[in-house]
Structures are given as structure tokens and as C-alpha cells.
Amino acid sequence: MIQNNISNKTWLSTTYQTKSLTQIAMILNMSICTVNEAFNNFSIPIQNKKIYFKKEIEEYINNLYFGKIEYNNTSLLPNTTIDIYLPDKKIAIEFDDLLWHSENKLHSIDRHDHVNKTNLCESLGIHLIHIFENDWVNKKEIVKSRLASVLGVSKRIYARKCHIFKVPSKIKTNFFNNSHISGDVVSKIAFGLMYKNELVSIMSFSKPRYSKTHDYELIRFAHKPGYTVVGGASKLFSHFIKEIKPTSIVSYADRRWSSSFSTVYAKLGFKLESISGPSYFYFNNPLVLNHRSHFQKHKLEKLLEVFDPKLTEWENMKINNFNRIWDCGTFVYIYKTGYTKIKNELINKELFDGI
């Protein structure tokens, strides 16, 4: 059985010449921590390797973009390397492999490392994108499409040539799972754009998940992979405002992909209300991240094989061979209208009674 190779020093050393620890963990179907321990037990030197996946991203950017590309730039930020930098676009791209960008038994990364790097780039007018390893492996085509859109080289469709329709739940779910980096999430309302009988954009809304002071949350917006619908966001959002007549809307943008330079929310009429600090995800499967909310301390006794109530959440997770990785936080945007609360409630009741 291939799992027996975890006890084979020769196999581990030889495989490590061309594979990263994450890839070895995937081959063995084991946690990265287990692989780490095997390397330590055999005294195999561990290095920060970004070999295969980083090279794939570099090749994709090289084939996608014909402007100047700088790899492993060390001049932008002090004592820091930027994986890919496109000076003409002022866009930087970091590949964050999970092992070397997480807290684990090998080292302890500071929770602010990613967001600090993002902030430093923004201070120079540079939009830094963080591609987590699991997203590149599990959602490669979505990541490629988003990069193409950011770089302005995706295929373009004009919203004025599209018509709007209300999207059924099953179609919405399938569309977002194949086009949005975070997949689908529960939402009550979704409007889409059709172009020549093909669904090319969807925007979804629901009651706010984290706030009680706003009527709705703009949950998801995405184009069909490989395309950008010019004016699509404005057309869908305007339709939602006209149909639902909300008093206020909240939306959250992931700073791993979004920057303060983004014009989409500004064009829709949103105002930046606040910026949240970095949050974290747990993993023991090499390429599956779990949001921290799934592993709050009061839930751990039922979830973990070993649990000690005297230890913290993180200490219990480490005992069970989990790592955690920190993101860059989120932008919180607010949109306000002149509609009254009472009028809005009547309209919503009429709408939802018909769904």
C-alpha cells in the first residue's frame, strides 16, 4: 500500500526532490503534520518549496499576459519577495502554499503576515492578490478566470445586450459552485443575465448573515468563467434596487482578491464602512480549509478525537494535528437608499410569499 511509504525514508527523500510536502501528503492521503513528523524522525531536511503549483501559475500568467512580468521581485518591499509582479498593471500575485503560510509544528507564522504584505503593497498603489494553494488545486479554472478578469484580458460581453431574469435556486447553486472562488451560499434572491440563451452573470442577495442593522446582504456576484460582462454588476444591482426597494445593503469583499482600489462597489454606490482584521481557517487534509466557526471551542469535544477543556481552541486543534492559516481580512461595504423601512417590509412580504 502506498501509505506504507510514510515509513520509507528512501521513498520520502526521493519524492521530495520533485514534490512539495503538501503534494506528498496528498499522495499518501495523510495530514501535513504526519508527513512533517516522518521527515523529522528520519532527519530529512525540510525546505520551503513552492515547486510545482507556483510554476503552473507562472506559466499561466506568462501565456495570458504580454506586458512586463517580474518573477521573485525583491525590490518592491524590504526583506520580502513578491512571487509575481506586473509593473504596467501595478498588480502583484503571491502563491501561498498552505504549509509554509500556516501555523504548524515547523514554525509559527504571524497572523498579520499576509495582511501586512497586502497593506504595504497598497501603500505603493499595488494590488496584491493572494492565491491559496487549495484554491489553485481545487478551483484552478475559477482562479484562472479571475486572474484574466483582473488583468483585463478575459472575453467581454456587454450588459446592454443581455436580458435579466430571476434565477432558480438549483441553477444559481451550480453556477456559483463553478464560477465563484467561495462557491455558493444560501440566498433568497438571485438575478442573472442571459446572453444569446446563455447564463453569463448572477448576483444573489439574502438577509444579512452577520448584521441586524441592514435589510439585505449582497452575497455573491460572478461571471461565467472566462468572461467579463461589462456593466453587468450595475445592471443586476439596479434591477434588485428597483424590484425590492431595500433601505440598506451590506456586502463583504475578501482582501485576498479585492483591493481598496476596486471600483466595482463605488460604481454601485456602496461606501466602505470598515476593514475587518484577518481571520483563520483550519486544515489537516492537505487541501481542504475549514472556517474557524466550525471549530469553536464549545464544539470541539464532539468533533475531535482528543479534547482537553483546560486547553484553548488552538491548543486542542494542534494536538489533533490541525494547522491554521490566516487570511487578509475583509472590506465591509454599505449601500443606503431613500426607501422607508415600513414600505420595504410590505414589498418583501409580497415578494417572498410568491417564491
Protein backbone atom coordinates (compact mmCIF):
# COMPACT_ATOMS: atom_id res chain seq x y z
CA MET A 1 0.00 0.00 0.00
CA ILE A 2 1.21 3.48 -0.84
CA GLN A 3 0.51 4.66 2.73
CA ASN A 4 3.38 2.45 3.88
CA ASN A 5 5.76 4.87 2.18
CA ILE A 6 5.39 7.17 5.19
CA SER A 7 7.82 4.74 6.88
CA ASN A 8 10.16 4.57 3.90
CA LYS A 9 12.96 7.14 4.23
CA THR A 10 14.31 6.48 0.74
CA TRP A 11 10.89 6.99 -0.87
CA LEU A 12 10.27 10.19 1.10
CA SER A 13 13.69 11.65 0.26
CA THR A 14 13.45 10.75 -3.42
CA THR A 15 9.88 12.01 -3.81
CA TYR A 16 10.77 15.25 -2.04
CA GLN A 17 13.22 16.10 -4.80
CA THR A 18 10.31 16.84 -7.16
CA LYS A 19 7.28 17.20 -4.85
CA SER A 20 6.38 19.53 -2.01
CA LEU A 21 5.33 18.27 1.42
CA THR A 22 1.74 19.15 0.55
CA GLN A 23 1.90 17.03 -2.60
CA ILE A 24 3.42 14.13 -0.66
CA ALA A 25 0.63 14.42 1.92
CA MET A 26 -1.89 14.31 -0.95
CA ILE A 27 -0.25 11.20 -2.44
CA LEU A 28 -0.29 9.46 0.94
CA ASN A 29 -3.75 10.79 1.86
CA MET A 30 -2.36 11.97 5.20
CA SER A 31 -2.18 15.23 7.08
CA ILE A 32 0.80 17.51 6.51
CA CYS A 33 1.62 17.23 10.21
CA THR A 34 2.00 13.44 9.87
CA VAL A 35 4.35 13.91 6.93
CA ASN A 36 6.28 16.57 8.85
CA GLU A 37 6.78 14.19 11.75
CA ALA A 38 8.05 11.45 9.44
CA PHE A 39 10.59 13.86 7.91
CA ASN A 40 11.72 14.94 11.38
CA ASN A 41 12.01 11.33 12.58
CA PHE A 42 14.21 10.49 9.58
CA SER A 43 16.15 13.77 9.93
CA ILE A 44 15.29 14.73 6.34
CA PRO A 45 15.95 18.48 5.94
CA ILE A 46 12.74 20.40 5.22
CA GLN A 47 12.86 23.38 2.88
CA ASN A 48 10.35 25.99 1.78
CA LYS A 49 9.41 24.52 -1.59
CA LYS A 50 6.85 26.05 -3.93
CA ILE A 51 7.95 23.98 -6.87
CA TYR A 52 5.10 22.63 -8.93
CA PHE A 53 2.00 24.75 -8.29
CA LYS A 54 3.88 28.06 -8.29
CA LYS A 55 5.43 27.13 -11.62
CA GLU A 56 1.98 26.39 -13.03
CA ILE A 57 0.77 29.88 -12.06
CA GLU A 58 3.87 31.50 -13.55
CA GLU A 59 3.33 29.64 -16.83
CA TYR A 60 -0.32 30.65 -16.92
CA ILE A 61 0.47 34.34 -16.35
CA ASN A 62 3.25 34.18 -18.94
CA ASN A 63 0.82 32.81 -21.55
CA LEU A 64 -2.00 35.14 -20.50
CA TYR A 65 -0.28 38.50 -20.22
CA PHE A 66 2.04 40.05 -22.78
CA GLY A 67 3.29 43.01 -20.74
CA LYS A 68 6.34 43.07 -18.49
CA ILE A 69 6.42 40.32 -15.84
CA GLU A 70 8.84 40.16 -12.92
CA TYR A 71 9.28 36.91 -11.00
CA ASN A 72 10.57 36.72 -7.41
CA ASN A 73 10.81 40.51 -7.08
CA THR A 74 12.90 41.59 -4.06
CA SER A 75 12.94 45.35 -4.69
CA LEU A 76 9.30 46.31 -4.00
CA LEU A 77 9.16 45.57 -0.27
CA PRO A 78 12.00 45.47 2.29
CA ASN A 79 13.23 41.97 3.15
CA THR A 80 10.34 40.47 1.19
CA THR A 81 9.95 38.58 -2.07
CA ILE A 82 6.94 39.06 -4.32
CA ASP A 83 6.29 35.94 -6.41
CA ILE A 84 4.91 37.73 -9.50
CA TYR A 85 4.76 41.45 -10.24
CA LEU A 86 3.24 43.15 -13.27
CA PRO A 87 4.59 46.72 -13.11
CA ASP A 88 2.48 48.04 -16.00
CA LYS A 89 -0.69 46.95 -14.18
CA LYS A 90 0.63 47.55 -10.66
CA ILE A 91 -0.64 44.08 -9.76
CA ALA A 92 1.29 41.59 -7.63
CA ILE A 93 0.48 37.91 -7.11
CA GLU A 94 1.52 35.70 -4.21
CA PHE A 95 1.22 31.93 -4.17
CA ASP A 96 0.59 30.92 -0.54
CA ASP A 97 1.26 27.22 -0.10
CA LEU A 98 -0.55 26.03 2.99
CA LEU A 99 2.35 24.50 4.87
CA TRP A 100 4.72 27.47 4.81
CA HIS A 101 1.99 30.06 5.24
CA SER A 102 0.29 28.45 8.23
CA GLU A 103 0.91 27.92 11.92
CA ASN A 104 2.22 24.41 12.47
CA LYS A 105 4.83 22.36 14.28
CA LEU A 106 7.59 23.53 11.95
CA HIS A 107 7.18 27.22 12.56
CA SER A 108 4.63 29.82 13.66
CA ILE A 109 3.72 32.44 11.10
CA ASP A 110 2.43 35.73 12.45
CA ARG A 111 -1.30 36.15 11.93
CA HIS A 112 -0.70 39.56 10.35
CA ASP A 113 1.93 38.49 7.80
CA HIS A 114 -0.47 38.29 4.84
CA VAL A 115 -2.42 41.43 5.63
CA ASN A 116 0.78 43.40 6.37
CA LYS A 117 2.15 42.45 2.97
CA THR A 118 -1.14 43.49 1.39
CA ASN A 119 -1.13 46.83 3.22
CA LEU A 120 2.47 47.57 2.24
CA CYS A 121 1.65 46.92 -1.41
CA GLU A 122 -1.46 49.11 -1.25
CA SER A 123 0.63 51.92 0.23
CA LEU A 124 2.63 51.78 -3.03
CA GLY A 125 -0.51 51.72 -5.16
CA ILE A 126 -0.11 48.00 -5.87
CA HIS A 127 -2.96 45.48 -5.76
CA LEU A 128 -1.64 42.27 -4.19
CA ILE A 129 -3.56 39.04 -4.86
CA HIS A 130 -3.08 36.02 -2.58
CA ILE A 131 -3.72 32.62 -4.18
CA PHE A 132 -4.04 29.95 -1.51
CA GLU A 133 -2.71 26.56 -2.54
CA ASN A 134 -6.03 24.76 -2.03
CA ASP A 135 -7.82 27.19 -4.36
CA TRP A 136 -5.29 26.66 -7.14
CA VAL A 137 -5.53 22.88 -6.87
CA ASN A 138 -9.28 22.56 -6.25
CA LYS A 139 -10.60 25.54 -8.24
CA LYS A 140 -7.93 26.15 -10.83
CA GLU A 141 -10.23 27.22 -13.67
CA ILE A 142 -12.04 29.71 -11.42
CA VAL A 143 -8.72 31.18 -10.27
CA LYS A 144 -7.51 31.42 -13.87
CA SER A 145 -10.72 33.17 -14.89
CA ARG A 146 -10.47 35.64 -12.04
CA LEU A 147 -6.85 36.44 -12.87
CA ALA A 148 -7.81 37.02 -16.51
CA SER A 149 -10.58 39.37 -15.39
CA VAL A 150 -8.28 41.32 -13.04
CA LEU A 151 -5.73 41.69 -15.83
CA GLY A 152 -8.41 42.78 -18.27
CA VAL A 153 -7.80 40.02 -20.80
CA SER A 154 -10.96 37.92 -20.45
CA LYS A 155 -13.63 37.76 -23.16
CA ARG A 156 -16.02 40.72 -22.92
CA ILE A 157 -19.80 40.80 -23.21
CA TYR A 158 -21.82 43.99 -22.84
CA ALA A 159 -24.68 44.03 -20.34
CA ARG A 160 -26.85 46.10 -22.70
CA LYS A 161 -27.01 43.04 -24.95
CA CYS A 162 -28.22 40.82 -22.09
CA HIS A 163 -31.64 40.42 -20.52
CA ILE A 164 -32.40 39.89 -16.81
CA PHE A 165 -34.31 37.03 -15.25
CA LYS A 166 -34.86 35.60 -11.76
CA VAL A 167 -32.57 32.59 -11.34
CA PRO A 168 -33.94 29.36 -9.77
CA SER A 169 -32.06 28.11 -6.72
CA LYS A 170 -30.58 24.96 -8.31
CA ILE A 171 -29.25 26.86 -11.31
CA LYS A 172 -27.78 29.54 -9.04
CA THR A 173 -26.05 26.94 -6.86
CA ASN A 174 -24.49 25.17 -9.82
CA PHE A 175 -23.38 28.46 -11.40
CA PHE A 176 -21.63 29.82 -8.28
CA ASN A 177 -20.01 26.49 -7.45
CA ASN A 178 -18.41 26.60 -10.89
CA SER A 179 -17.63 30.31 -11.09
CA HIS A 180 -17.10 31.80 -7.59
CA ILE A 181 -13.95 31.15 -5.56
CA SER A 182 -16.06 30.65 -2.40
CA GLY A 183 -18.76 28.59 -4.08
CA ASP A 184 -22.46 29.05 -3.39
CA VAL A 185 -24.12 30.10 -0.15
CA VAL A 186 -27.78 30.23 0.86
CA SER A 187 -29.57 33.23 -0.63
CA LYS A 188 -33.23 34.13 -1.15
CA ILE A 189 -32.96 36.20 -4.31
CA ALA A 190 -30.78 35.82 -7.40
CA PHE A 191 -30.94 37.71 -10.68
CA GLY A 192 -29.00 36.65 -13.74
CA LEU A 193 -28.03 37.92 -17.17
CA MET A 194 -28.71 35.92 -20.31
CA TYR A 195 -26.71 36.45 -23.49
CA LYS A 196 -27.85 34.53 -26.57
CA ASN A 197 -29.67 31.99 -24.36
CA GLU A 198 -26.60 31.50 -22.17
CA LEU A 199 -26.35 32.42 -18.48
CA VAL A 200 -23.32 34.71 -18.12
CA SER A 201 -23.73 36.50 -14.75
CA ILE A 202 -25.56 36.12 -11.44
CA MET A 203 -25.91 38.37 -8.40
CA SER A 204 -27.51 36.97 -5.24
CA PHE A 205 -28.93 38.55 -2.08
CA SER A 206 -30.23 37.41 1.29
CA LYS A 207 -30.94 38.64 4.77
CA PRO A 208 -27.63 39.69 6.38
CA ARG A 209 -25.64 36.86 7.95
CA TYR A 210 -23.70 38.96 10.46
CA SER A 211 -25.62 42.23 10.83
CA LYS A 212 -29.10 43.12 12.06
CA THR A 213 -28.90 46.78 11.05
CA HIS A 214 -29.33 46.27 7.30
CA ASP A 215 -32.13 44.88 5.16
CA TYR A 216 -30.07 42.74 2.81
CA GLU A 217 -26.63 41.42 2.08
CA LEU A 218 -25.18 41.22 -1.40
CA ILE A 219 -23.90 37.65 -1.07
CA ARG A 220 -22.36 36.64 -4.37
CA PHE A 221 -21.60 38.06 -7.80
CA ALA A 222 -19.79 36.20 -10.56
CA HIS A 223 -19.47 35.93 -14.32
CA LYS A 224 -19.23 32.77 -16.35
CA PRO A 225 -15.59 31.61 -16.18
CA GLY A 226 -13.51 33.19 -18.93
CA TYR A 227 -15.87 36.14 -19.42
CA THR A 228 -16.39 39.66 -18.13
CA VAL A 229 -19.84 41.19 -18.57
CA VAL A 230 -19.16 44.90 -18.91
CA GLY A 231 -21.79 46.78 -16.91
CA GLY A 232 -23.20 43.51 -15.59
CA ALA A 233 -22.89 44.34 -11.90
CA SER A 234 -24.60 47.71 -12.35
CA LYS A 235 -27.45 46.24 -14.40
CA LEU A 236 -28.17 43.45 -11.91
CA PHE A 237 -27.84 45.65 -8.83
CA SER A 238 -30.06 48.38 -10.27
CA HIS A 239 -32.69 45.76 -11.05
CA PHE A 240 -32.56 44.48 -7.47
CA ILE A 241 -32.98 48.01 -6.08
CA LYS A 242 -35.92 48.66 -8.39
CA GLU A 243 -37.68 45.37 -7.62
CA ILE A 244 -37.03 45.01 -3.87
CA LYS A 245 -36.61 48.65 -2.75
CA PRO A 246 -34.35 47.96 0.28
CA THR A 247 -33.31 50.63 2.78
CA SER A 248 -29.75 49.39 3.19
CA ILE A 249 -27.44 46.64 1.92
CA VAL A 250 -24.20 45.28 3.34
CA SER A 251 -21.54 43.35 1.43
CA TYR A 252 -18.14 41.86 2.23
CA ALA A 253 -15.09 41.66 -0.03
CA ASP A 254 -12.24 39.21 0.60
CA ARG A 255 -8.96 41.14 0.74
CA ARG A 256 -7.04 38.20 -0.68
CA TRP A 257 -8.58 39.21 -4.00
CA SER A 258 -10.09 42.67 -3.55
CA SER A 259 -8.23 45.92 -3.01
CA SER A 260 -9.15 49.40 -1.87
CA PHE A 261 -8.58 50.46 -5.50
CA SER A 262 -11.53 48.36 -6.68
CA THR A 263 -14.13 50.46 -8.48
CA VAL A 264 -16.97 47.92 -8.60
CA TYR A 265 -18.51 48.79 -5.23
CA ALA A 266 -18.01 52.51 -5.82
CA LYS A 267 -19.81 52.29 -9.18
CA LEU A 268 -22.73 50.55 -7.45
CA GLY A 269 -22.95 53.32 -4.85
CA PHE A 270 -21.50 51.45 -1.86
CA LYS A 271 -19.37 53.18 0.76
CA LEU A 272 -16.51 51.50 2.60
CA GLU A 273 -17.64 51.29 6.22
CA SER A 274 -14.80 49.33 7.83
CA ILE A 275 -11.99 46.83 7.32
CA SER A 276 -12.02 43.69 9.45
CA GLY A 277 -8.84 42.08 10.71
CA PRO A 278 -7.54 38.74 9.44
CA SER A 279 -9.43 35.55 10.19
CA TYR A 280 -8.24 31.94 10.06
CA PHE A 281 -9.04 28.53 8.61
CA TYR A 282 -8.15 25.09 9.97
CA PHE A 283 -6.94 22.12 7.96
CA ASN A 284 -5.49 18.65 8.41
CA ASN A 285 -6.43 17.37 4.98
CA PRO A 286 -3.68 18.94 2.83
CA LEU A 287 -6.01 20.99 0.64
CA VAL A 288 -9.34 21.41 2.44
CA LEU A 289 -9.82 24.55 4.54
CA ASN A 290 -12.47 24.78 7.27
CA HIS A 291 -13.68 28.14 8.53
CA ARG A 292 -12.92 28.77 12.19
CA SER A 293 -16.65 28.96 13.01
CA HIS A 294 -16.86 25.18 12.53
CA PHE A 295 -14.29 24.62 15.28
CA GLN A 296 -15.31 26.94 18.10
CA LYS A 297 -14.20 25.58 21.44
CA HIS A 298 -17.67 24.62 22.66
CA LYS A 299 -18.00 22.32 19.61
CA LEU A 300 -14.62 20.59 19.88
CA GLU A 301 -15.46 17.82 22.35
CA LYS A 302 -17.79 16.27 19.78
CA LEU A 303 -15.50 16.91 16.80
CA LEU A 304 -12.03 15.90 17.97
CA GLU A 305 -10.56 12.56 18.96
CA VAL A 306 -8.64 14.21 21.81
CA PHE A 307 -10.11 17.12 23.76
CA ASP A 308 -8.91 18.86 26.92
CA PRO A 309 -11.30 21.54 28.29
CA LYS A 310 -8.36 23.20 30.08
CA LEU A 311 -6.65 23.98 26.78
CA THR A 312 -7.52 26.72 24.31
CA GLU A 313 -9.24 26.07 21.00
CA TRP A 314 -5.95 26.34 19.11
CA GLU A 315 -4.07 24.10 21.57
CA ASN A 316 -6.73 21.41 21.18
CA MET A 317 -6.60 21.68 17.41
CA LYS A 318 -2.81 21.32 17.37
CA ILE A 319 -2.99 18.18 19.50
CA ASN A 320 -5.26 16.72 16.82
CA ASN A 321 -2.79 17.55 14.03
CA PHE A 322 -4.57 20.60 12.63
CA ASN A 323 -2.81 23.64 11.20
CA ARG A 324 -4.37 27.04 10.66
CA ILE A 325 -3.79 29.70 8.03
CA TRP A 326 -4.70 33.40 8.28
CA ASP A 327 -6.31 35.45 5.53
CA CYS A 328 -6.14 39.22 4.91
CA GLY A 329 -9.47 40.24 6.44
CA THR A 330 -12.41 41.76 4.60
CA PHE A 331 -13.74 45.09 3.39
CA VAL A 332 -17.23 45.91 4.71
CA TYR A 333 -19.31 47.96 2.27
CA ILE A 334 -22.69 49.63 2.90
CA TYR A 335 -25.29 50.86 0.44
CA LYS A 336 -28.18 53.05 1.64
CA THR A 337 -31.32 54.11 -0.21
CA GLY A 338 -34.15 56.54 0.49
CA TYR A 339 -36.81 53.87 0.86
CA THR A 340 -38.65 53.62 4.18
CA LYS A 341 -38.50 50.57 6.41
CA ILE A 342 -42.29 50.09 6.51
CA LYS A 343 -42.64 50.23 2.72
CA ASN A 344 -39.74 47.80 2.37
CA GLU A 345 -41.29 45.23 4.75
CA LEU A 346 -44.57 45.25 2.81
CA ILE A 347 -42.79 44.77 -0.51
CA ASN A 348 -40.62 41.96 0.89
CA LYS A 349 -43.63 40.12 2.29
CA GLU A 350 -45.38 40.27 -1.07
CA LEU A 351 -42.23 39.11 -2.88
CA PHE A 352 -41.29 36.21 -0.61
CA ASP A 353 -44.87 34.93 -0.36
CA GLY A 354 -44.59 34.34 -4.09
CA ILE A 355 -41.29 32.42 -4.07
